[in-house]
N, C-alpha and C. Protein backbone atom coordinates (compact mmCIF):
# COMPACT_ATOMS: atom_id res chain seq x y z
N MET A 1 -53.86 -239.11 45.88
CA MET A 1 -53.72 -240.18 45.30
C MET A 1 -52.91 -240.74 44.45
N PHE A 2 -51.83 -240.60 44.17
CA PHE A 2 -50.58 -241.23 43.30
C PHE A 2 -49.19 -241.26 43.70
N GLY A 3 -49.02 -242.39 44.48
CA GLY A 3 -47.47 -242.68 45.05
C GLY A 3 -46.17 -242.43 44.17
N LYS A 4 -45.43 -241.90 45.83
CA LYS A 4 -43.70 -242.19 45.06
C LYS A 4 -43.33 -243.63 43.62
N LYS A 5 -44.12 -244.73 44.67
CA LYS A 5 -43.16 -246.00 44.42
C LYS A 5 -43.84 -245.50 42.98
N LYS A 6 -42.97 -246.17 42.27
CA LYS A 6 -43.23 -246.34 40.44
C LYS A 6 -44.44 -248.05 40.89
N LYS A 7 -45.62 -248.30 39.18
CA LYS A 7 -46.46 -249.40 40.50
C LYS A 7 -46.31 -249.30 38.83
N GLU A 8 -46.97 -250.85 37.71
CA GLU A 8 -47.72 -250.67 36.97
C GLU A 8 -48.44 -251.16 36.69
N ILE A 9 -49.15 -250.33 35.35
CA ILE A 9 -50.40 -250.22 35.72
C ILE A 9 -51.41 -251.94 34.47
N ASP A 10 -51.74 -252.13 34.97
CA ASP A 10 -52.77 -253.09 35.00
C ASP A 10 -54.35 -253.27 35.38
N GLU A 11 -55.30 -253.72 35.21
CA GLU A 11 -56.61 -253.81 36.08
C GLU A 11 -56.52 -253.74 37.35
N ASP A 12 -56.34 -254.51 37.95
CA ASP A 12 -55.71 -254.88 39.86
C ASP A 12 -54.77 -253.61 40.34
N PHE A 13 -54.54 -252.80 38.84
CA PHE A 13 -54.14 -251.23 39.94
C PHE A 13 -55.91 -250.16 39.50
N VAL A 14 -55.97 -250.14 38.51
CA VAL A 14 -57.14 -248.79 38.42
C VAL A 14 -58.54 -249.42 39.72
N LYS A 15 -58.35 -250.71 39.41
CA LYS A 15 -59.03 -251.29 40.96
C LYS A 15 -59.09 -251.35 42.16
N THR A 16 -58.20 -251.02 41.87
CA THR A 16 -58.01 -251.42 43.20
C THR A 16 -58.26 -249.28 44.32
N GLU A 17 -57.54 -248.73 42.46
CA GLU A 17 -57.61 -247.21 43.30
C GLU A 17 -59.02 -246.58 42.72
N ILE A 18 -59.69 -247.29 42.22
CA ILE A 18 -61.21 -246.76 41.88
C ILE A 18 -61.53 -247.29 43.50
N THR A 19 -61.69 -248.01 43.88
CA THR A 19 -61.68 -248.03 45.18
C THR A 19 -61.94 -246.78 46.41
N LYS A 20 -60.74 -245.98 45.65
CA LYS A 20 -60.19 -244.90 46.63
C LYS A 20 -61.35 -244.15 46.71
N ILE A 21 -61.96 -243.67 45.15
CA ILE A 21 -62.50 -242.30 44.93
C ILE A 21 -63.86 -241.66 46.34
N ASP A 22 -63.87 -240.94 46.70
CA ASP A 22 -65.15 -240.32 46.81
C ASP A 22 -65.61 -239.34 46.31
N ASP A 23 -67.01 -238.99 46.09
CA ASP A 23 -67.30 -237.71 45.79
C ASP A 23 -66.44 -236.60 45.57
N ASP A 24 -65.73 -236.02 46.75
CA ASP A 24 -64.86 -235.14 46.66
C ASP A 24 -64.25 -234.68 45.08
N ASP A 25 -63.27 -235.96 45.25
CA ASP A 25 -62.64 -237.01 43.91
C ASP A 25 -63.50 -236.69 42.52
N VAL A 26 -64.81 -236.60 42.47
CA VAL A 26 -66.14 -236.69 41.63
C VAL A 26 -66.34 -234.76 41.90
N ASP A 27 -66.16 -234.31 42.42
CA ASP A 27 -65.70 -232.60 42.70
C ASP A 27 -64.99 -232.53 41.03
N VAL A 28 -63.84 -232.58 41.78
CA VAL A 28 -62.78 -232.03 40.64
C VAL A 28 -62.98 -232.20 39.67
N VAL A 29 -63.13 -233.77 39.07
CA VAL A 29 -63.57 -233.72 37.76
C VAL A 29 -64.47 -232.55 37.37
N MET A 30 -65.60 -232.82 38.01
CA MET A 30 -66.52 -231.72 37.35
C MET A 30 -66.17 -230.42 37.43
N ARG A 31 -65.25 -229.01 38.20
CA ARG A 31 -64.52 -227.93 38.41
C ARG A 31 -63.08 -228.25 37.19
N ASN A 32 -62.94 -229.11 36.38
CA ASN A 32 -61.63 -229.51 35.25
C ASN A 32 -61.95 -230.35 33.99
N GLN A 33 -63.10 -230.09 34.54
CA GLN A 33 -64.54 -230.21 32.63
C GLN A 33 -63.57 -230.25 31.41
N GLU A 34 -62.40 -228.86 31.87
CA GLU A 34 -62.52 -228.12 30.16
C GLU A 34 -61.31 -228.70 29.98
N GLU A 35 -59.83 -228.60 31.03
CA GLU A 35 -59.56 -229.39 31.12
C GLU A 35 -58.74 -230.70 30.96
N ILE A 36 -59.50 -231.53 31.56
CA ILE A 36 -59.31 -232.64 30.49
C ILE A 36 -59.93 -233.80 28.84
N ALA A 37 -60.71 -232.57 29.09
CA ALA A 37 -61.18 -232.58 27.52
C ALA A 37 -60.30 -232.36 26.83
N ASP A 38 -59.74 -230.69 26.92
CA ASP A 38 -58.94 -230.89 26.42
C ASP A 38 -57.80 -231.78 25.85
N LYS A 39 -57.22 -231.96 27.55
CA LYS A 39 -56.27 -233.12 27.02
C LYS A 39 -56.16 -234.73 26.00
N ILE A 40 -57.35 -234.74 26.15
CA ILE A 40 -58.34 -236.08 25.84
C ILE A 40 -57.47 -235.88 24.17
N ILE A 41 -58.73 -234.49 24.16
CA ILE A 41 -58.75 -233.93 22.37
C ILE A 41 -57.33 -233.45 21.37
N ASN A 42 -56.74 -233.08 22.59
CA ASN A 42 -54.42 -232.71 22.41
C ASN A 42 -54.50 -233.96 22.24
N SER A 43 -54.03 -234.89 22.75
CA SER A 43 -53.39 -235.94 22.49
C SER A 43 -54.00 -237.23 21.62
N ASN A 44 -52.72 -237.31 20.96
CA ASN A 44 -53.07 -238.21 19.76
C ASN A 44 -53.52 -239.42 19.79
N MET A 45 -52.90 -240.53 20.56
CA MET A 45 -53.59 -241.17 21.95
C MET A 45 -54.68 -241.27 22.16
N LEU A 46 -54.83 -240.56 22.80
CA LEU A 46 -56.88 -240.59 23.95
C LEU A 46 -57.55 -239.51 22.86
N LYS A 47 -56.72 -239.39 21.63
CA LYS A 47 -58.31 -238.68 21.23
C LYS A 47 -59.43 -239.21 20.18
N LYS A 48 -59.50 -241.16 20.37
CA LYS A 48 -60.23 -241.50 19.61
C LYS A 48 -61.35 -241.53 20.75
N TYR A 49 -60.43 -241.67 21.97
CA TYR A 49 -62.09 -241.09 23.09
C TYR A 49 -62.72 -240.52 24.20
N THR A 50 -62.57 -239.31 22.89
CA THR A 50 -63.41 -238.38 22.54
C THR A 50 -64.55 -238.59 22.89
N GLU A 51 -65.52 -238.73 22.37
CA GLU A 51 -66.84 -239.21 21.86
C GLU A 51 -67.28 -239.80 23.07
N LEU A 52 -66.58 -241.09 23.85
CA LEU A 52 -66.94 -241.64 24.63
C LEU A 52 -66.66 -240.83 26.28
N GLY A 53 -65.72 -239.57 26.25
CA GLY A 53 -65.32 -239.33 27.52
C GLY A 53 -66.08 -237.70 27.75
N LYS A 54 -66.51 -237.93 26.41
CA LYS A 54 -68.65 -236.86 26.12
C LYS A 54 -68.90 -238.37 26.57
N VAL A 55 -69.79 -238.80 26.40
CA VAL A 55 -71.06 -240.04 27.61
C VAL A 55 -70.32 -240.12 28.81
N MET A 56 -68.75 -239.91 29.67
CA MET A 56 -69.10 -240.78 30.45
C MET A 56 -68.82 -239.23 31.48
N TYR A 57 -68.35 -237.91 30.79
CA TYR A 57 -68.94 -236.83 31.80
C TYR A 57 -70.46 -236.62 31.03
N GLY A 58 -71.29 -236.59 30.46
CA GLY A 58 -72.95 -236.89 30.91
C GLY A 58 -73.44 -237.57 32.10
N MET A 59 -72.02 -238.83 31.71
CA MET A 59 -74.27 -239.42 32.73
C MET A 59 -73.20 -239.38 34.18
N LEU A 60 -71.79 -238.87 34.37
CA LEU A 60 -71.56 -237.35 35.65
C LEU A 60 -72.64 -236.62 36.14
N LYS A 61 -73.04 -235.86 35.51
CA LYS A 61 -73.31 -234.90 36.05
C LYS A 61 -75.23 -234.28 35.82
N ASP A 62 -75.49 -236.21 35.61
CA ASP A 62 -76.61 -236.98 35.67
C ASP A 62 -76.57 -237.67 36.71
N TYR A 63 -76.19 -237.31 36.54
CA TYR A 63 -76.18 -238.49 38.03
C TYR A 63 -74.96 -237.69 39.10
N ARG A 64 -74.60 -236.42 38.79
CA ARG A 64 -74.72 -235.57 40.05
C ARG A 64 -76.01 -234.66 40.55
N LYS A 65 -76.75 -234.81 38.71
CA LYS A 65 -77.87 -233.93 39.64
C LYS A 65 -79.38 -234.32 39.64
N GLY A 66 -78.76 -235.48 40.20
CA GLY A 66 -80.32 -236.87 40.80
C GLY A 66 -80.10 -237.46 39.59
N ILE A 67 -80.47 -237.50 38.65
CA ILE A 67 -81.85 -237.89 37.27
C ILE A 67 -82.05 -238.84 35.99
N TYR A 68 -79.82 -239.48 36.70
CA TYR A 68 -79.55 -240.91 36.87
C TYR A 68 -79.45 -241.12 37.39
N THR A 69 -79.28 -242.14 38.66
CA THR A 69 -79.28 -242.52 40.01
C THR A 69 -79.24 -244.04 39.93
N GLN A 70 -80.17 -244.61 37.83
CA GLN A 70 -79.73 -246.35 38.24
C GLN A 70 -78.07 -247.14 37.81
N VAL A 71 -77.30 -246.18 38.86
CA VAL A 71 -75.95 -246.77 38.13
C VAL A 71 -74.44 -246.94 39.08
N PRO A 72 -74.11 -247.69 39.39
CA PRO A 72 -73.52 -247.75 40.60
C PRO A 72 -72.05 -246.99 41.18
N TRP A 73 -72.37 -246.77 41.97
CA TRP A 73 -70.79 -246.50 42.88
C TRP A 73 -69.57 -246.67 41.83
N PHE A 74 -69.16 -247.92 41.65
CA PHE A 74 -68.48 -248.30 40.90
C PHE A 74 -68.22 -247.45 40.23
N THR A 75 -69.59 -247.67 39.17
CA THR A 75 -69.10 -246.79 37.94
C THR A 75 -68.27 -245.68 37.34
N ILE A 76 -69.21 -244.81 38.37
CA ILE A 76 -69.28 -243.45 38.99
C ILE A 76 -67.11 -243.06 39.19
N ALA A 77 -67.29 -243.56 40.53
CA ALA A 77 -65.37 -243.96 40.71
C ALA A 77 -64.98 -244.28 39.76
N THR A 78 -64.53 -244.66 38.76
CA THR A 78 -64.23 -245.15 38.09
C THR A 78 -63.86 -244.33 36.59
N ILE A 79 -65.66 -243.12 36.76
CA ILE A 79 -64.74 -242.47 35.43
C ILE A 79 -64.06 -240.76 36.67
N ALA A 80 -64.54 -240.77 37.30
CA ALA A 80 -63.23 -239.96 38.28
C ALA A 80 -62.49 -240.52 38.12
N PHE A 81 -61.50 -241.83 38.63
CA PHE A 81 -60.18 -242.37 39.05
C PHE A 81 -59.48 -242.04 37.02
N ALA A 82 -60.44 -242.37 36.55
CA ALA A 82 -59.76 -242.76 34.43
C ALA A 82 -60.04 -241.53 34.69
N PHE A 83 -60.08 -239.70 34.77
CA PHE A 83 -60.22 -238.13 34.13
C PHE A 83 -59.62 -237.44 35.09
N LEU A 84 -59.22 -238.58 36.81
CA LEU A 84 -58.34 -237.57 37.40
C LEU A 84 -57.30 -238.23 37.16
N TYR A 85 -56.24 -239.49 36.71
CA TYR A 85 -55.49 -239.45 36.11
C TYR A 85 -55.16 -238.67 35.38
N ILE A 86 -55.62 -238.31 34.26
CA ILE A 86 -55.16 -238.50 32.55
C ILE A 86 -55.23 -236.90 33.07
N LEU A 87 -55.99 -236.17 34.57
CA LEU A 87 -55.82 -234.16 34.87
C LEU A 87 -54.71 -234.89 35.29
N ASN A 88 -54.12 -235.04 35.98
CA ASN A 88 -52.99 -235.43 37.10
C ASN A 88 -51.21 -235.34 35.97
N PRO A 89 -50.09 -234.44 35.75
CA PRO A 89 -48.95 -234.48 35.23
C PRO A 89 -48.25 -235.06 35.27
N PHE A 90 -47.91 -235.84 36.41
CA PHE A 90 -46.72 -236.44 36.92
C PHE A 90 -47.70 -237.40 37.56
N ASP A 91 -48.01 -238.55 36.74
CA ASP A 91 -49.00 -240.45 37.03
C ASP A 91 -47.30 -240.47 36.80
N ILE A 92 -47.39 -242.58 36.59
CA ILE A 92 -47.18 -243.09 36.62
C ILE A 92 -45.87 -242.91 36.03
N VAL A 93 -46.05 -242.45 34.45
CA VAL A 93 -45.28 -241.88 33.14
C VAL A 93 -45.97 -240.19 32.90
N PRO A 94 -45.26 -239.29 32.56
CA PRO A 94 -45.26 -237.81 33.37
C PRO A 94 -45.17 -237.64 32.03
N ASP A 95 -46.99 -237.27 31.29
CA ASP A 95 -46.99 -236.32 30.46
C ASP A 95 -46.20 -235.75 29.33
N PHE A 96 -45.51 -234.92 30.03
CA PHE A 96 -44.52 -234.23 28.98
C PHE A 96 -42.93 -234.99 28.12
N ILE A 97 -42.77 -236.11 28.67
CA ILE A 97 -42.33 -237.16 28.54
C ILE A 97 -42.83 -237.71 26.92
N PRO A 98 -42.13 -236.91 25.64
CA PRO A 98 -43.00 -237.49 24.73
C PRO A 98 -43.26 -239.17 23.94
N GLY A 99 -44.16 -238.72 23.38
CA GLY A 99 -44.06 -240.10 22.68
C GLY A 99 -44.64 -240.99 23.52
N LEU A 100 -43.72 -241.01 24.73
CA LEU A 100 -44.54 -241.71 25.59
C LEU A 100 -44.95 -240.87 27.03
N GLY A 101 -45.62 -240.02 27.40
CA GLY A 101 -46.22 -239.80 28.57
C GLY A 101 -47.75 -239.98 28.33
N TYR A 102 -48.17 -240.31 27.71
CA TYR A 102 -50.17 -240.37 27.69
C TYR A 102 -50.04 -242.21 27.74
N ILE A 103 -48.96 -242.64 27.34
CA ILE A 103 -49.06 -243.88 27.56
C ILE A 103 -50.23 -245.21 28.58
N ASP A 104 -49.78 -244.33 29.97
CA ASP A 104 -50.70 -245.27 31.36
C ASP A 104 -52.13 -244.48 31.57
N ASP A 105 -52.54 -242.84 30.81
CA ASP A 105 -53.26 -242.74 30.77
C ASP A 105 -54.09 -243.70 30.17
N PHE A 106 -53.78 -244.28 29.01
CA PHE A 106 -54.63 -244.33 27.32
C PHE A 106 -54.48 -246.42 28.00
N ALA A 107 -53.90 -245.88 29.60
CA ALA A 107 -54.23 -247.60 29.57
C ALA A 107 -55.17 -247.75 31.30
N VAL A 108 -55.08 -246.53 31.74
CA VAL A 108 -56.31 -246.72 32.76
C VAL A 108 -57.47 -246.90 32.16
N LEU A 109 -57.62 -245.46 30.98
CA LEU A 109 -58.56 -244.92 30.61
C LEU A 109 -59.60 -246.34 29.26
N THR A 110 -58.42 -248.01 29.23
CA THR A 110 -59.15 -248.27 28.54
C THR A 110 -59.20 -249.84 29.74
N PHE A 111 -58.17 -250.12 30.62
CA PHE A 111 -59.28 -250.37 31.53
C PHE A 111 -60.56 -250.28 32.50
N GLY A 112 -60.35 -249.20 32.70
CA GLY A 112 -61.70 -248.61 32.88
C GLY A 112 -62.77 -248.46 32.55
N LEU A 113 -62.97 -248.24 31.00
CA LEU A 113 -63.78 -248.57 30.28
C LEU A 113 -64.37 -249.69 30.36
N ARG A 114 -63.30 -251.07 30.17
CA ARG A 114 -63.27 -252.46 29.98
C ARG A 114 -65.32 -253.23 31.01
N PHE A 115 -64.44 -252.16 32.71
CA PHE A 115 -65.21 -251.95 33.49
C PHE A 115 -66.95 -251.98 33.31
N ILE A 116 -66.85 -250.83 32.39
CA ILE A 116 -68.32 -250.48 32.69
C ILE A 116 -68.41 -249.96 31.58
N GLU A 117 -68.54 -250.66 30.84
CA GLU A 117 -68.87 -251.09 28.92
C GLU A 117 -70.48 -250.91 29.26
N SER A 118 -70.99 -251.98 29.66
CA SER A 118 -72.18 -252.08 30.19
C SER A 118 -72.98 -251.20 30.67
N ASP A 119 -72.16 -250.44 31.56
CA ASP A 119 -73.61 -249.10 32.14
C ASP A 119 -73.39 -248.10 31.38
N LEU A 120 -72.49 -247.78 30.06
CA LEU A 120 -72.61 -246.85 29.81
C LEU A 120 -73.82 -246.87 28.55
N HIS A 121 -73.80 -248.36 27.93
CA HIS A 121 -74.54 -248.32 26.37
C HIS A 121 -76.04 -248.33 27.95
N ASN A 122 -76.10 -249.30 28.82
CA ASN A 122 -77.35 -248.49 29.25
C ASN A 122 -77.72 -247.52 30.10
N TYR A 123 -77.20 -246.61 30.49
CA TYR A 123 -76.63 -244.94 30.31
C TYR A 123 -76.62 -244.58 28.86
N LEU A 124 -76.54 -244.99 27.85
CA LEU A 124 -76.90 -244.43 26.66
C LEU A 124 -78.63 -244.30 26.17
N ASP A 125 -78.64 -246.18 26.44
CA ASP A 125 -79.83 -246.72 26.17
C ASP A 125 -81.32 -245.55 26.54
N TRP A 126 -81.00 -244.98 28.41
CA TRP A 126 -81.70 -244.52 29.15
C TRP A 126 -81.34 -242.67 28.14
N LYS A 127 -79.82 -242.03 27.75
CA LYS A 127 -80.92 -240.38 27.23
C LYS A 127 -81.41 -241.78 26.03
N LEU A 128 -81.53 -241.78 25.43
CA LEU A 128 -82.16 -242.06 23.69
C LEU A 128 -83.93 -242.08 24.36
N GLU A 129 -83.83 -242.60 25.34
CA GLU A 129 -85.36 -242.54 26.46
C GLU A 129 -86.24 -241.83 26.28
N HIS A 130 -85.14 -241.27 27.50
CA HIS A 130 -84.83 -239.94 27.62
C HIS A 130 -85.72 -238.76 26.93
N ALA A 131 -84.83 -238.97 26.02
CA ALA A 131 -84.72 -237.89 24.91
C ALA A 131 -86.32 -237.88 24.45
N GLU A 132 -86.29 -239.56 24.27
CA GLU A 132 -87.84 -240.15 23.19
C GLU A 132 -88.75 -238.74 23.49
N ALA A 133 -89.29 -239.17 25.11
CA ALA A 133 -90.24 -239.02 26.50
C ALA A 133 -90.46 -238.17 25.99
N GLU A 134 -89.52 -236.98 25.89
CA GLU A 134 -89.43 -235.31 25.62
C GLU A 134 -89.99 -234.47 24.86
N GLU A 135 -89.58 -235.83 23.53
CA GLU A 135 -89.80 -235.37 22.30
C GLU A 135 -91.52 -235.55 22.44
N ALA A 136 -92.54 -236.19 23.07
CA ALA A 136 -93.47 -237.37 22.84
C ALA A 136 -93.62 -235.86 23.35
N THR A 137 -94.01 -235.32 24.92
CA THR A 137 -94.88 -233.84 25.18
C THR A 137 -95.04 -232.92 24.85
């Protein structure tokens, strides 16, 4: 997924890489949920995304189960790409570099969230409606 050539993290880079994501990548993300969550929680820079990460994983799970289907593939691919990027310790700025290692992860996650913000809101609305419907029965 990540070439050796040093690249600049910008919106074009993120969009281009998102288009390369497939179902197998989503499977990798789902199998590594705990490891990705740990990296987010244990990084001071990414910690503020802990709750959003949970929502994103919830959306992926519900999508994979087939119970939430009103989401564009681009959104699913964006979530998968962002999580795969965080999972990869040897990305553009390796995670083991103190103070700098998570800057690129933060940038990828931030750009990705910009692309899918309205879809996350729609998902949260659906979750609330779904929960209310279950309570009513």
